[in-house]
Full PDB file with SEQRES, HELIX, SHEET, SSBOND, CRYST1, ORIGX, SCALE, CONECT and MASTER records, all heavy atoms in Angstrom:
SEQRES   1 A   42  ALA ILE TRP GLU LYS VAL PRO GLY ILE GLY SER SER TYR          
SEQRES   2 A   42  SER SER ARG ILE VAL LYS TYR ARG ASP LEU LEU GLY GLY          
SEQRES   3 A   42  PHE ALA HIS LYS GLU GLN LEU MET GLU VAL TYR GLY ILE          
SEQRES   4 A   42  GLU TYR GLU                                                  
HELIX    1 AA1 TRP A    3  LYS A    5  5                                   3    
HELIX    2 AA2 SER A   11  LEU A   24  1                                  14    
HELIX    3 AA3 LYS A   30  GLU A   35  5                                   6    
CRYST1    1.000    1.000    1.000  90.00  90.00  90.00 P 1           1          
ORIGX1      1.000000  0.000000  0.000000        0.00000                         
ORIGX2      0.000000  1.000000  0.000000        0.00000                         
ORIGX3      0.000000  0.000000  1.000000        0.00000                         
SCALE1      1.000000  0.000000  0.000000        0.00000                         
SCALE2      0.000000  1.000000  0.000000        0.00000                         
SCALE3      0.000000  0.000000  1.000000        0.00000                         
ATOM      1  N   ALA A   1      63.728  90.671  71.732  1.00  0.00           N  
ATOM      2  CA  ALA A   1      64.421  89.383  71.615  1.00  0.00           C  
ATOM      3  C   ALA A   1      65.860  89.474  72.107  1.00  0.00           C  
ATOM      4  O   ALA A   1      66.362  88.562  72.777  1.00  0.00           O  
ATOM      5  CB  ALA A   1      64.385  88.895  70.165  1.00  0.00           C  
ATOM      6  N   ILE A   2      66.527  90.561  71.808  1.00  0.00           N  
ATOM      7  CA  ILE A   2      67.908  90.752  72.260  1.00  0.00           C  
ATOM      8  C   ILE A   2      67.939  91.027  73.765  1.00  0.00           C  
ATOM      9  O   ILE A   2      68.800  90.519  74.485  1.00  0.00           O  
ATOM     10  CB  ILE A   2      68.611  91.877  71.473  1.00  0.00           C  
ATOM     11  CG1 ILE A   2      68.598  91.588  69.975  1.00  0.00           C  
ATOM     12  CG2 ILE A   2      70.031  92.106  71.977  1.00  0.00           C  
ATOM     13  CD1 ILE A   2      69.353  90.354  69.551  1.00  0.00           C  
ATOM     14  N   TRP A   3      67.005  91.840  74.265  1.00  0.00           N  
ATOM     15  CA  TRP A   3      66.946  92.110  75.702  1.00  0.00           C  
ATOM     16  C   TRP A   3      66.805  90.806  76.494  1.00  0.00           C  
ATOM     17  O   TRP A   3      67.377  90.670  77.577  1.00  0.00           O  
ATOM     18  CB  TRP A   3      65.774  93.041  76.043  1.00  0.00           C  
ATOM     19  CG  TRP A   3      66.124  94.491  75.961  1.00  0.00           C  
ATOM     20  CD1 TRP A   3      65.737  95.373  74.998  1.00  0.00           C  
ATOM     21  CD2 TRP A   3      66.939  95.236  76.872  1.00  0.00           C  
ATOM     22  NE1 TRP A   3      66.263  96.619  75.256  1.00  0.00           N  
ATOM     23  CE2 TRP A   3      66.996  96.565  76.398  1.00  0.00           C  
ATOM     24  CE3 TRP A   3      67.625  94.913  78.042  1.00  0.00           C  
ATOM     25  CZ2 TRP A   3      67.711  97.566  77.049  1.00  0.00           C  
ATOM     26  CZ3 TRP A   3      68.337  95.919  78.695  1.00  0.00           C  
ATOM     27  CH2 TRP A   3      68.372  97.219  78.201  1.00  0.00           C  
ATOM     28  N   GLU A   4      66.057  89.861  75.959  1.00  0.00           N  
ATOM     29  CA  GLU A   4      65.841  88.593  76.662  1.00  0.00           C  
ATOM     30  C   GLU A   4      67.118  87.782  76.812  1.00  0.00           C  
ATOM     31  O   GLU A   4      67.193  86.890  77.657  1.00  0.00           O  
ATOM     32  CB  GLU A   4      64.773  87.767  75.942  1.00  0.00           C  
ATOM     33  CG  GLU A   4      63.382  88.352  76.091  1.00  0.00           C  
ATOM     34  CD  GLU A   4      62.339  87.584  75.313  1.00  0.00           C  
ATOM     35  OE1 GLU A   4      62.509  86.363  75.098  1.00  0.00           O  
ATOM     36  OE2 GLU A   4      61.334  88.210  74.924  1.00  0.00           O  
ATOM     37  N   LYS A   5      68.135  88.081  76.044  1.00  0.00           N  
ATOM     38  CA  LYS A   5      69.410  87.368  76.152  1.00  0.00           C  
ATOM     39  C   LYS A   5      70.254  87.864  77.313  1.00  0.00           C  
ATOM     40  O   LYS A   5      71.237  87.225  77.692  1.00  0.00           O  
ATOM     41  CB  LYS A   5      70.193  87.492  74.840  1.00  0.00           C  
ATOM     42  CG  LYS A   5      69.513  86.773  73.692  1.00  0.00           C  
ATOM     43  CD  LYS A   5      70.305  86.903  72.420  1.00  0.00           C  
ATOM     44  CE  LYS A   5      69.580  86.183  71.289  1.00  0.00           C  
ATOM     45  NZ  LYS A   5      70.332  86.246  70.045  1.00  0.00           N  
ATOM     46  N   VAL A   6      69.887  89.016  77.882  1.00  0.00           N  
ATOM     47  CA  VAL A   6      70.609  89.547  79.039  1.00  0.00           C  
ATOM     48  C   VAL A   6      70.203  88.724  80.265  1.00  0.00           C  
ATOM     49  O   VAL A   6      69.009  88.558  80.521  1.00  0.00           O  
ATOM     50  CB  VAL A   6      70.274  91.044  79.261  1.00  0.00           C  
ATOM     51  CG1 VAL A   6      70.933  91.572  80.528  1.00  0.00           C  
ATOM     52  CG2 VAL A   6      70.693  91.866  78.052  1.00  0.00           C  
ATOM     53  N   PRO A   7      71.173  88.195  81.011  1.00  0.00           N  
ATOM     54  CA  PRO A   7      70.839  87.397  82.195  1.00  0.00           C  
ATOM     55  C   PRO A   7      69.961  88.175  83.178  1.00  0.00           C  
ATOM     56  O   PRO A   7      70.278  89.307  83.544  1.00  0.00           O  
ATOM     57  CB  PRO A   7      72.215  87.099  82.826  1.00  0.00           C  
ATOM     58  CG  PRO A   7      73.180  87.223  81.689  1.00  0.00           C  
ATOM     59  CD  PRO A   7      72.615  88.276  80.782  1.00  0.00           C  
ATOM     60  N   GLY A   8      68.820  87.584  83.533  1.00  0.00           N  
ATOM     61  CA  GLY A   8      67.899  88.229  84.466  1.00  0.00           C  
ATOM     62  C   GLY A   8      66.751  88.942  83.781  1.00  0.00           C  
ATOM     63  O   GLY A   8      65.805  89.381  84.439  1.00  0.00           O  
ATOM     64  N   ILE A   9      66.810  89.073  82.465  1.00  0.00           N  
ATOM     65  CA  ILE A   9      65.742  89.750  81.719  1.00  0.00           C  
ATOM     66  C   ILE A   9      64.992  88.699  80.897  1.00  0.00           C  
ATOM     67  O   ILE A   9      65.551  88.078  80.008  1.00  0.00           O  
ATOM     68  CB  ILE A   9      66.312  90.832  80.767  1.00  0.00           C  
ATOM     69  CG1 ILE A   9      67.081  91.880  81.536  1.00  0.00           C  
ATOM     70  CG2 ILE A   9      65.191  91.469  79.943  1.00  0.00           C  
ATOM     71  CD1 ILE A   9      66.257  92.710  82.492  1.00  0.00           C  
ATOM     72  N   GLY A  10      63.741  88.515  81.231  1.00  0.00           N  
ATOM     73  CA  GLY A  10      62.895  87.600  80.473  1.00  0.00           C  
ATOM     74  C   GLY A  10      61.961  88.376  79.564  1.00  0.00           C  
ATOM     75  O   GLY A  10      62.145  89.566  79.323  1.00  0.00           O  
ATOM     76  N   SER A  11      60.929  87.692  79.103  1.00  0.00           N  
ATOM     77  CA  SER A  11      60.015  88.330  78.152  1.00  0.00           C  
ATOM     78  C   SER A  11      59.226  89.480  78.775  1.00  0.00           C  
ATOM     79  O   SER A  11      58.983  90.487  78.117  1.00  0.00           O  
ATOM     80  CB  SER A  11      59.074  87.295  77.536  1.00  0.00           C  
ATOM     81  OG  SER A  11      58.279  86.700  78.536  1.00  0.00           O  
ATOM     82  N   SER A  12      58.832  89.354  80.041  1.00  0.00           N  
ATOM     83  CA  SER A  12      58.071  90.435  80.683  1.00  0.00           C  
ATOM     84  C   SER A  12      58.916  91.691  80.822  1.00  0.00           C  
ATOM     85  O   SER A  12      58.470  92.788  80.470  1.00  0.00           O  
ATOM     86  CB  SER A  12      57.581  90.007  82.072  1.00  0.00           C  
ATOM     87  OG  SER A  12      56.620  88.999  81.960  1.00  0.00           O  
ATOM     88  N   TYR A  13      60.123  91.543  81.363  1.00  0.00           N  
ATOM     89  CA  TYR A  13      61.000  92.703  81.519  1.00  0.00           C  
ATOM     90  C   TYR A  13      61.373  93.308  80.169  1.00  0.00           C  
ATOM     91  O   TYR A  13      61.374  94.522  80.010  1.00  0.00           O  
ATOM     92  CB  TYR A  13      62.280  92.349  82.279  1.00  0.00           C  
ATOM     93  CG  TYR A  13      62.112  92.235  83.771  1.00  0.00           C  
ATOM     94  CD1 TYR A  13      62.671  91.179  84.464  1.00  0.00           C  
ATOM     95  CD2 TYR A  13      61.413  93.188  84.492  1.00  0.00           C  
ATOM     96  CE1 TYR A  13      62.539  91.071  85.839  1.00  0.00           C  
ATOM     97  CE2 TYR A  13      61.268  93.094  85.866  1.00  0.00           C  
ATOM     98  CZ  TYR A  13      61.831  92.024  86.537  1.00  0.00           C  
ATOM     99  OH  TYR A  13      61.698  91.924  87.893  1.00  0.00           O  
ATOM    100  N   SER A  14      61.688  92.464  79.204  1.00  0.00           N  
ATOM    101  CA  SER A  14      62.096  92.999  77.903  1.00  0.00           C  
ATOM    102  C   SER A  14      60.965  93.801  77.271  1.00  0.00           C  
ATOM    103  O   SER A  14      61.191  94.875  76.704  1.00  0.00           O  
ATOM    104  CB  SER A  14      62.569  91.887  76.969  1.00  0.00           C  
ATOM    105  OG  SER A  14      61.509  91.042  76.607  1.00  0.00           O  
ATOM    106  N   SER A  15      59.748  93.318  77.411  1.00  0.00           N  
ATOM    107  CA  SER A  15      58.594  94.030  76.876  1.00  0.00           C  
ATOM    108  C   SER A  15      58.393  95.363  77.591  1.00  0.00           C  
ATOM    109  O   SER A  15      58.155  96.395  76.957  1.00  0.00           O  
ATOM    110  CB  SER A  15      57.349  93.160  77.022  1.00  0.00           C  
ATOM    111  OG  SER A  15      56.216  93.841  76.580  1.00  0.00           O  
ATOM    112  N   ARG A  16      58.520  95.356  78.914  1.00  0.00           N  
ATOM    113  CA  ARG A  16      58.369  96.594  79.683  1.00  0.00           C  
ATOM    114  C   ARG A  16      59.462  97.602  79.340  1.00  0.00           C  
ATOM    115  O   ARG A  16      59.201  98.804  79.242  1.00  0.00           O  
ATOM    116  CB  ARG A  16      58.422  96.302  81.177  1.00  0.00           C  
ATOM    117  CG  ARG A  16      57.213  95.582  81.705  1.00  0.00           C  
ATOM    118  CD  ARG A  16      57.353  95.366  83.194  1.00  0.00           C  
ATOM    119  NE  ARG A  16      56.553  94.227  83.602  1.00  0.00           N  
ATOM    120  CZ  ARG A  16      56.755  93.519  84.693  1.00  0.00           C  
ATOM    121  NH1 ARG A  16      57.756  93.836  85.505  1.00  0.00           N  
ATOM    122  NH2 ARG A  16      55.989  92.509  84.987  1.00  0.00           N  
ATOM    123  N   ILE A  17      60.684  97.128  79.190  1.00  0.00           N  
ATOM    124  CA  ILE A  17      61.811  98.010  78.861  1.00  0.00           C  
ATOM    125  C   ILE A  17      61.572  98.709  77.531  1.00  0.00           C  
ATOM    126  O   ILE A  17      61.706  99.925  77.415  1.00  0.00           O  
ATOM    127  CB  ILE A  17      63.145  97.228  78.841  1.00  0.00           C  
ATOM    128  CG1 ILE A  17      63.540  96.818  80.261  1.00  0.00           C  
ATOM    129  CG2 ILE A  17      64.254  98.055  78.193  1.00  0.00           C  
ATOM    130  CD1 ILE A  17      64.665  95.791  80.322  1.00  0.00           C  
ATOM    131  N   VAL A  18      61.218  97.939  76.517  1.00  0.00           N  
ATOM    132  CA  VAL A  18      61.015  98.502  75.184  1.00  0.00           C  
ATOM    133  C   VAL A  18      59.811  99.450  75.171  1.00  0.00           C  
ATOM    134  O   VAL A  18      59.869 100.528  74.578  1.00  0.00           O  
ATOM    135  CB  VAL A  18      60.886  97.390  74.121  1.00  0.00           C  
ATOM    136  CG1 VAL A  18      60.432  97.934  72.787  1.00  0.00           C  
ATOM    137  CG2 VAL A  18      62.216  96.651  73.983  1.00  0.00           C  
ATOM    138  N   LYS A  19      58.752  99.082  75.865  1.00  0.00           N  
ATOM    139  CA  LYS A  19      57.563  99.934  75.911  1.00  0.00           C  
ATOM    140  C   LYS A  19      57.879 101.263  76.599  1.00  0.00           C  
ATOM    141  O   LYS A  19      57.504 102.335  76.104  1.00  0.00           O  
ATOM    142  CB  LYS A  19      56.440  99.216  76.657  1.00  0.00           C  
ATOM    143  CG  LYS A  19      55.125  99.954  76.658  1.00  0.00           C  
ATOM    144  CD  LYS A  19      54.084  99.195  77.451  1.00  0.00           C  
ATOM    145  CE  LYS A  19      52.976  98.774  76.518  1.00  0.00           C  
ATOM    146  NZ  LYS A  19      51.894  98.068  77.199  1.00  0.00           N  
ATOM    147  N   TYR A  20      58.577 101.217  77.723  1.00  0.00           N  
ATOM    148  CA  TYR A  20      58.919 102.447  78.437  1.00  0.00           C  
ATOM    149  C   TYR A  20      59.908 103.283  77.623  1.00  0.00           C  
ATOM    150  O   TYR A  20      59.787 104.503  77.560  1.00  0.00           O  
ATOM    151  CB  TYR A  20      59.483 102.128  79.827  1.00  0.00           C  
ATOM    152  CG  TYR A  20      59.642 103.349  80.691  1.00  0.00           C  
ATOM    153  CD1 TYR A  20      58.528 104.081  81.095  1.00  0.00           C  
ATOM    154  CD2 TYR A  20      60.885 103.786  81.096  1.00  0.00           C  
ATOM    155  CE1 TYR A  20      58.660 105.215  81.889  1.00  0.00           C  
ATOM    156  CE2 TYR A  20      61.030 104.912  81.883  1.00  0.00           C  
ATOM    157  CZ  TYR A  20      59.916 105.620  82.282  1.00  0.00           C  
ATOM    158  OH  TYR A  20      60.055 106.744  83.059  1.00  0.00           O  
ATOM    159  N   ARG A  21      60.865 102.620  76.987  1.00  0.00           N  
ATOM    160  CA  ARG A  21      61.829 103.327  76.129  1.00  0.00           C  
ATOM    161  C   ARG A  21      61.100 104.077  75.026  1.00  0.00           C  
ATOM    162  O   ARG A  21      61.417 105.221  74.723  1.00  0.00           O  
ATOM    163  CB  ARG A  21      62.826 102.327  75.543  1.00  0.00           C  
ATOM    164  CG  ARG A  21      63.873 102.985  74.646  1.00  0.00           C  
ATOM    165  CD  ARG A  21      64.736 101.978  73.968  1.00  0.00           C  
ATOM    166  NE  ARG A  21      63.960 101.212  72.999  1.00  0.00           N  
ATOM    167  CZ  ARG A  21      64.328 100.030  72.516  1.00  0.00           C  
ATOM    168  NH1 ARG A  21      65.446  99.460  72.914  1.00  0.00           N  
ATOM    169  NH2 ARG A  21      63.581  99.414  71.633  1.00  0.00           N  
ATOM    170  N   ASP A  22      60.096 103.444  74.438  1.00  0.00           N  
ATOM    171  CA  ASP A  22      59.333 104.087  73.375  1.00  0.00           C  
ATOM    172  C   ASP A  22      58.553 105.299  73.899  1.00  0.00           C  
ATOM    173  O   ASP A  22      58.453 106.317  73.217  1.00  0.00           O  
ATOM    174  CB  ASP A  22      58.392 103.092  72.704  1.00  0.00           C  
ATOM    175  CG  ASP A  22      59.141 102.040  71.887  1.00  0.00           C  
ATOM    176  OD1 ASP A  22      60.353 102.232  71.618  1.00  0.00           O  
ATOM    177  OD2 ASP A  22      58.516 101.023  71.528  1.00  0.00           O  
ATOM    178  N   LEU A  23      58.004 105.194  75.106  1.00  0.00           N  
ATOM    179  CA  LEU A  23      57.303 106.330  75.710  1.00  0.00           C  
ATOM    180  C   LEU A  23      58.250 107.499  75.960  1.00  0.00           C  
ATOM    181  O   LEU A  23      57.905 108.657  75.720  1.00  0.00           O  
ATOM    182  CB  LEU A  23      56.677 105.927  77.045  1.00  0.00           C  
ATOM    183  CG  LEU A  23      55.323 105.253  77.016  1.00  0.00           C  
ATOM    184  CD1 LEU A  23      54.937 104.789  78.421  1.00  0.00           C  
ATOM    185  CD2 LEU A  23      54.259 106.169  76.454  1.00  0.00           C  
ATOM    186  N   LEU A  24      59.437 107.197  76.449  1.00  0.00           N  
ATOM    187  CA  LEU A  24      60.436 108.229  76.736  1.00  0.00           C  
ATOM    188  C   LEU A  24      60.996 108.866  75.472  1.00  0.00           C  
ATOM    189  O   LEU A  24      61.426 110.004  75.483  1.00  0.00           O  
ATOM    190  CB  LEU A  24      61.625 107.633  77.498  1.00  0.00           C  
ATOM    191  CG  LEU A  24      61.544 107.498  78.989  1.00  0.00           C  
ATOM    192  CD1 LEU A  24      62.779 106.774  79.512  1.00  0.00           C  
ATOM    193  CD2 LEU A  24      61.395 108.833  79.670  1.00  0.00           C  
ATOM    194  N   GLY A  25      61.030 108.085  74.424  1.00  0.00           N  
ATOM    195  CA  GLY A  25      61.748 108.523  73.225  1.00  0.00           C  
ATOM    196  C   GLY A  25      63.171 108.003  73.245  1.00  0.00           C  
ATOM    197  O   GLY A  25      64.019 108.419  72.472  1.00  0.00           O  
ATOM    198  N   GLY A  26      63.440 107.066  74.144  1.00  0.00           N  
ATOM    199  CA  GLY A  26      64.770 106.487  74.308  1.00  0.00           C  
ATOM    200  C   GLY A  26      65.324 106.818  75.682  1.00  0.00           C  
ATOM    201  O   GLY A  26      64.858 107.739  76.349  1.00  0.00           O  
ATOM    202  N   PHE A  27      66.302 106.056  76.095  1.00  0.00           N  
ATOM    203  CA  PHE A  27      66.950 106.284  77.384  1.00  0.00           C  
ATOM    204  C   PHE A  27      68.180 107.167  77.195  1.00  0.00           C  
ATOM    205  O   PHE A  27      68.995 106.910  76.321  1.00  0.00           O  
ATOM    206  CB  PHE A  27      67.409 104.958  78.009  1.00  0.00           C  
ATOM    207  CG  PHE A  27      66.295 104.024  78.383  1.00  0.00           C  
ATOM    208  CD1 PHE A  27      66.044 102.883  77.636  1.00  0.00           C  
ATOM    209  CD2 PHE A  27      65.519 104.270  79.503  1.00  0.00           C  
ATOM    210  CE1 PHE A  27      65.034 102.001  77.991  1.00  0.00           C  
ATOM    211  CE2 PHE A  27      64.496 103.398  79.866  1.00  0.00           C  
ATOM    212  CZ  PHE A  27      64.248 102.261  79.116  1.00  0.00           C  
ATOM    213  N   ALA A  28      68.312 108.181  78.025  1.00  0.00           N  
ATOM    214  CA  ALA A  28      69.503 109.031  78.001  1.00  0.00           C  
ATOM    215  C   ALA A  28      70.599 108.444  78.908  1.00  0.00           C  
ATOM    216  O   ALA A  28      71.777 108.668  78.670  1.00  0.00           O  
ATOM    217  CB  ALA A  28      69.156 110.445  78.443  1.00  0.00           C  
ATOM    218  N   HIS A  29      70.182 107.703  79.932  1.00  0.00           N  
ATOM    219  CA  HIS A  29      71.102 107.109  80.902  1.00  0.00           C  
ATOM    220  C   HIS A  29      70.635 105.705  81.231  1.00  0.00           C  
ATOM    221  O   HIS A  29      69.428 105.467  81.343  1.00  0.00           O  
ATOM    222  CB  HIS A  29      71.130 107.920  82.200  1.00  0.00           C  
ATOM    223  CG  HIS A  29      71.312 109.386  81.994  1.00  0.00           C  
ATOM    224  ND1 HIS A  29      72.533 109.938  81.709  1.00  0.00           N  
ATOM    225  CD2 HIS A  29      70.421 110.412  82.011  1.00  0.00           C  
ATOM    226  CE1 HIS A  29      72.389 111.246  81.567  1.00  0.00           C  
ATOM    227  NE2 HIS A  29      71.116 111.555  81.729  1.00  0.00           N  
ATOM    228  N   LYS A  30      71.560 104.792  81.436  1.00  0.00           N  
ATOM    229  CA  LYS A  30      71.116 103.430  81.719  1.00  0.00           C  
ATOM    230  C   LYS A  30      70.455 103.301  83.086  1.00  0.00           C  
ATOM    231  O   LYS A  30      69.654 102.405  83.298  1.00  0.00           O  
ATOM    232  CB  LYS A  30      72.222 102.396  81.501  1.00  0.00           C  
ATOM    233  CG  LYS A  30      73.420 102.445  82.353  1.00  0.00           C  
ATOM    234  CD  LYS A  30      74.304 101.222  82.059  1.00  0.00           C  
ATOM    235  CE  LYS A  30      75.752 101.595  81.942  1.00  0.00           C  
ATOM    236  NZ  LYS A  30      76.592 100.401  81.736  1.00  0.00           N  
ATOM    237  N   GLU A  31      70.711 104.232  83.991  1.00  0.00           N  
ATOM    238  CA  GLU A  31      70.048 104.202  85.300  1.00  0.00           C  
ATOM    239  C   GLU A  31      68.526 104.354  85.177  1.00  0.00           C  
ATOM    240  O   GLU A  31      67.788 103.961  86.080  1.00  0.00           O  
ATOM    241  CB  GLU A  31      70.603 105.313  86.210  1.00  0.00           C  
ATOM    242  CG  GLU A  31      72.037 105.132  86.606  1.00  0.00           C  
ATOM    243  CD  GLU A  31      73.045 105.615  85.557  1.00  0.00           C  
ATOM    244  OE1 GLU A  31      72.645 106.230  84.534  1.00  0.00           O  
ATOM    245  OE2 GLU A  31      74.239 105.358  85.750  1.00  0.00           O  
ATOM    246  N   GLN A  32      68.074 104.893  84.064  1.00  0.00           N  
ATOM    247  CA  GLN A  32      66.635 105.031  83.831  1.00  0.00           C  
ATOM    248  C   GLN A  32      65.943 103.680  83.748  1.00  0.00           C  
ATOM    249  O   GLN A  32      64.725 103.606  83.888  1.00  0.00           O  
ATOM    250  CB  GLN A  32      66.375 105.825  82.551  1.00  0.00           C  
ATOM    251  CG  GLN A  32      66.725 107.290  82.672  1.00  0.00           C  
ATOM    252  CD  GLN A  32      66.599 107.984  81.338  1.00  0.00           C  
ATOM    253  OE1 GLN A  32      67.426 107.795  80.461  1.00  0.00           O  
ATOM    254  NE2 GLN A  32      65.556 108.783  81.188  1.00  0.00           N  
ATOM    255  N   LEU A  33      66.689 102.632  83.548  1.00  0.00           N  
ATOM    256  CA  LEU A  33      66.092 101.300  83.533  1.00  0.00           C  
ATOM    257  C   LEU A  33      65.394 101.003  84.859  1.00  0.00           C  
ATOM    258  O   LEU A  33      64.435 100.240  84.901  1.00  0.00           O  
ATOM    259  CB  LEU A  33      67.144 100.229  83.241  1.00  0.00           C  
ATOM    260  CG  LEU A  33      67.651 100.200  81.805  1.00  0.00           C  
ATOM    261  CD1 LEU A  33      68.885  99.330  81.695  1.00  0.00           C  
ATOM    262  CD2 LEU A  33      66.556  99.702  80.867  1.00  0.00           C  
ATOM    263  N   MET A  34      65.853 101.626  85.939  1.00  0.00           N  
ATOM    264  CA  MET A  34      65.207 101.416  87.239  1.00  0.00           C  
ATOM    265  C   MET A  34      63.838 102.073  87.321  1.00  0.00           C  
ATOM    266  O   MET A  34      63.102 101.835  88.267  1.00  0.00           O  
ATOM    267  CB  MET A  34      66.123 101.904  88.369  1.00  0.00           C  
ATOM    268  CG  MET A  34      67.345 101.015  88.554  1.00  0.00           C  
ATOM    269  SD  MET A  34      68.366 101.479  89.964  1.00  0.00           S  
ATOM    270  CE  MET A  34      69.212 102.924  89.299  1.00  0.00           C  
ATOM    271  N   GLU A  35      63.469 102.865  86.334  1.00  0.00           N  
ATOM    272  CA  GLU A  35      62.128 103.440  86.266  1.00  0.00           C  
ATOM    273  C   GLU A  35      61.137 102.445  85.655  1.00  0.00           C  
ATOM    274  O   GLU A  35      59.925 102.651  85.740  1.00  0.00           O  
ATOM    275  CB  GLU A  35      62.140 104.729  85.440  1.00  0.00           C  
ATOM    276  CG  GLU A  35      62.985 105.824  86.045  1.00  0.00           C  
ATOM    277  CD  GLU A  35      63.160 107.014  85.115  1.00  0.00           C  
ATOM    278  OE1 GLU A  35      62.375 107.168  84.147  1.00  0.00           O  
ATOM    279  OE2 GLU A  35      64.093 107.794  85.353  1.00  0.00           O  
ATOM    280  N   VAL A  36      61.650 101.397  85.041  1.00  0.00           N  
ATOM    281  CA  VAL A  36      60.805 100.365  84.446  1.00  0.00           C  
ATOM    282  C   VAL A  36      60.232  99.522  85.578  1.00  0.00           C  
ATOM    283  O   VAL A  36      60.974  99.082  86.476  1.00  0.00           O  
ATOM    284  CB  VAL A  36      61.602  99.482  83.456  1.00  0.00           C  
ATOM    285  CG1 VAL A  36      60.765  98.325  82.949  1.00  0.00           C  
ATOM    286  CG2 VAL A  36      62.131 100.329  82.307  1.00  0.00           C  
ATOM    287  N   TYR A  37      58.936  99.307  85.555  1.00  0.00           N  
ATOM    288  CA  TYR A  37      58.266  98.559  86.604  1.00  0.00           C  
ATOM    289  C   TYR A  37      58.958  97.213  86.850  1.00  0.00           C  
ATOM    290  O   TYR A  37      59.184  96.442  85.917  1.00  0.00           O  
ATOM    291  CB  TYR A  37      56.790  98.329  86.250  1.00  0.00           C  
ATOM    292  CG  TYR A  37      56.054  97.516  87.272  1.00  0.00           C  
ATOM    293  CD1 TYR A  37      55.646  98.101  88.465  1.00  0.00           C  
ATOM    294  CD2 TYR A  37      55.793  96.175  87.073  1.00  0.00           C  
ATOM    295  CE1 TYR A  37      54.980  97.369  89.422  1.00  0.00           C  
ATOM    296  CE2 TYR A  37      55.127  95.424  88.023  1.00  0.00           C  
ATOM    297  CZ  TYR A  37      54.723  96.028  89.200  1.00  0.00           C  
ATOM    298  OH  TYR A  37      54.078  95.287  90.159  1.00  0.00           O  
ATOM    299  N   GLY A  38      59.337  96.966  88.093  1.00  0.00           N  
ATOM    300  CA  GLY A  38      59.927  95.688  88.484  1.00  0.00           C  
ATOM    301  C   GLY A  38      61.441  95.635  88.466  1.00  0.00           C  
ATOM    302  O   GLY A  38      62.033  94.724  89.025  1.00  0.00           O  
ATOM    303  N   ILE A  39      62.079  96.603  87.821  1.00  0.00           N  
ATOM    304  CA  ILE A  39      63.545  96.598  87.786  1.00  0.00           C  
ATOM    305  C   ILE A  39      64.043  97.404  88.977  1.00  0.00           C  
ATOM    306  O   ILE A  39      63.999  98.630  88.978  1.00  0.00           O  
ATOM    307  CB  ILE A  39      64.101  97.142  86.460  1.00  0.00           C  
ATOM    308  CG1 ILE A  39      63.654  96.239  85.311  1.00  0.00           C  
ATOM    309  CG2 ILE A  39      65.631  97.235  86.525  1.00  0.00           C  
ATOM    310  CD1 ILE A  39      64.186  96.612  83.961  1.00  0.00           C  
ATOM    311  N   GLU A  40      64.468  96.661  89.975  1.00  0.00           N  
ATOM    312  CA  GLU A  40      64.982  97.292  91.185  1.00  0.00           C  
ATOM    313  C   GLU A  40      66.498  97.360  91.117  1.00  0.00           C  
ATOM    314  O   GLU A  40      67.121  96.830  90.191  1.00  0.00           O  
ATOM    315  CB  GLU A  40      64.490  96.524  92.403  1.00  0.00           C  
ATOM    316  CG  GLU A  40      62.959  96.599  92.488  1.00  0.00           C  
ATOM    317  CD  GLU A  40      62.390  95.959  93.722  1.00  0.00           C  
ATOM    318  OE1 GLU A  40      63.159  95.538  94.608  1.00  0.00           O  
ATOM    319  OE2 GLU A  40      61.158  95.883  93.792  1.00  0.00           O  
ATOM    320  N   TYR A  41      67.085  98.002  92.102  1.00  0.00           N  
ATOM    321  CA  TYR A  41      68.518  98.291  92.109  1.00  0.00           C  
ATOM    322  C   TYR A  41      69.372  97.034  91.932  1.00  0.00           C  
ATOM    323  O   TYR A  41      70.333  97.042  91.165  1.00  0.00           O  
ATOM    324  CB  TYR A  41      68.878  99.018  93.410  1.00  0.00           C  
ATOM    325  CG  TYR A  41      70.303  99.483  93.465  1.00  0.00           C  
ATOM    326  CD1 TYR A  41      70.761 100.475  92.592  1.00  0.00           C  
ATOM    327  CD2 TYR A  41      71.196  98.934  94.374  1.00  0.00           C  
ATOM    328  CE1 TYR A  41      72.070 100.916  92.638  1.00  0.00           C  
ATOM    329  CE2 TYR A  41      72.517  99.373  94.421  1.00  0.00           C  
ATOM    330  CZ  TYR A  41      72.946 100.360  93.551  1.00  0.00           C  
ATOM    331  OH  TYR A  41      74.248 100.787  93.588  1.00  0.00           O  
ATOM    332  N   GLU A  42      69.030  95.961  92.618  1.00  0.00           N  
ATOM    333  CA  GLU A  42      69.827  94.732  92.538  1.00  0.00           C  
ATOM    334  C   GLU A  42      69.838  94.171  91.120  1.00  0.00           C  
ATOM    335  O   GLU A  42      70.884  93.769  90.613  1.00  0.00           O  
ATOM    336  CB  GLU A  42      69.303  93.662  93.517  1.00  0.00           C  
ATOM    337  CG  GLU A  42      69.431  94.054  94.973  1.00  0.00           C  
ATOM    338  CD  GLU A  42      68.372  95.040  95.446  1.00  0.00           C  
ATOM    339  OE1 GLU A  42      67.273  95.125  94.832  1.00  0.00           O  
ATOM    340  OE2 GLU A  42      68.664  95.765  96.418  1.00  0.00           O  
TER     341      GLU A  42                                                      
MASTER        0    0    0    3    0    0    0    6  340    1    0    4          
END                                                                             
């Protein structure tokens, strides 16, 4: 719900971010967000 408040992040991205974060055990660096399906550099 909080991720969805970030401009450009909707429900699909927020769900993918949290799911991938849980698989990793958390993000060590914010650049890892680009490993989430659909989150490209821009």
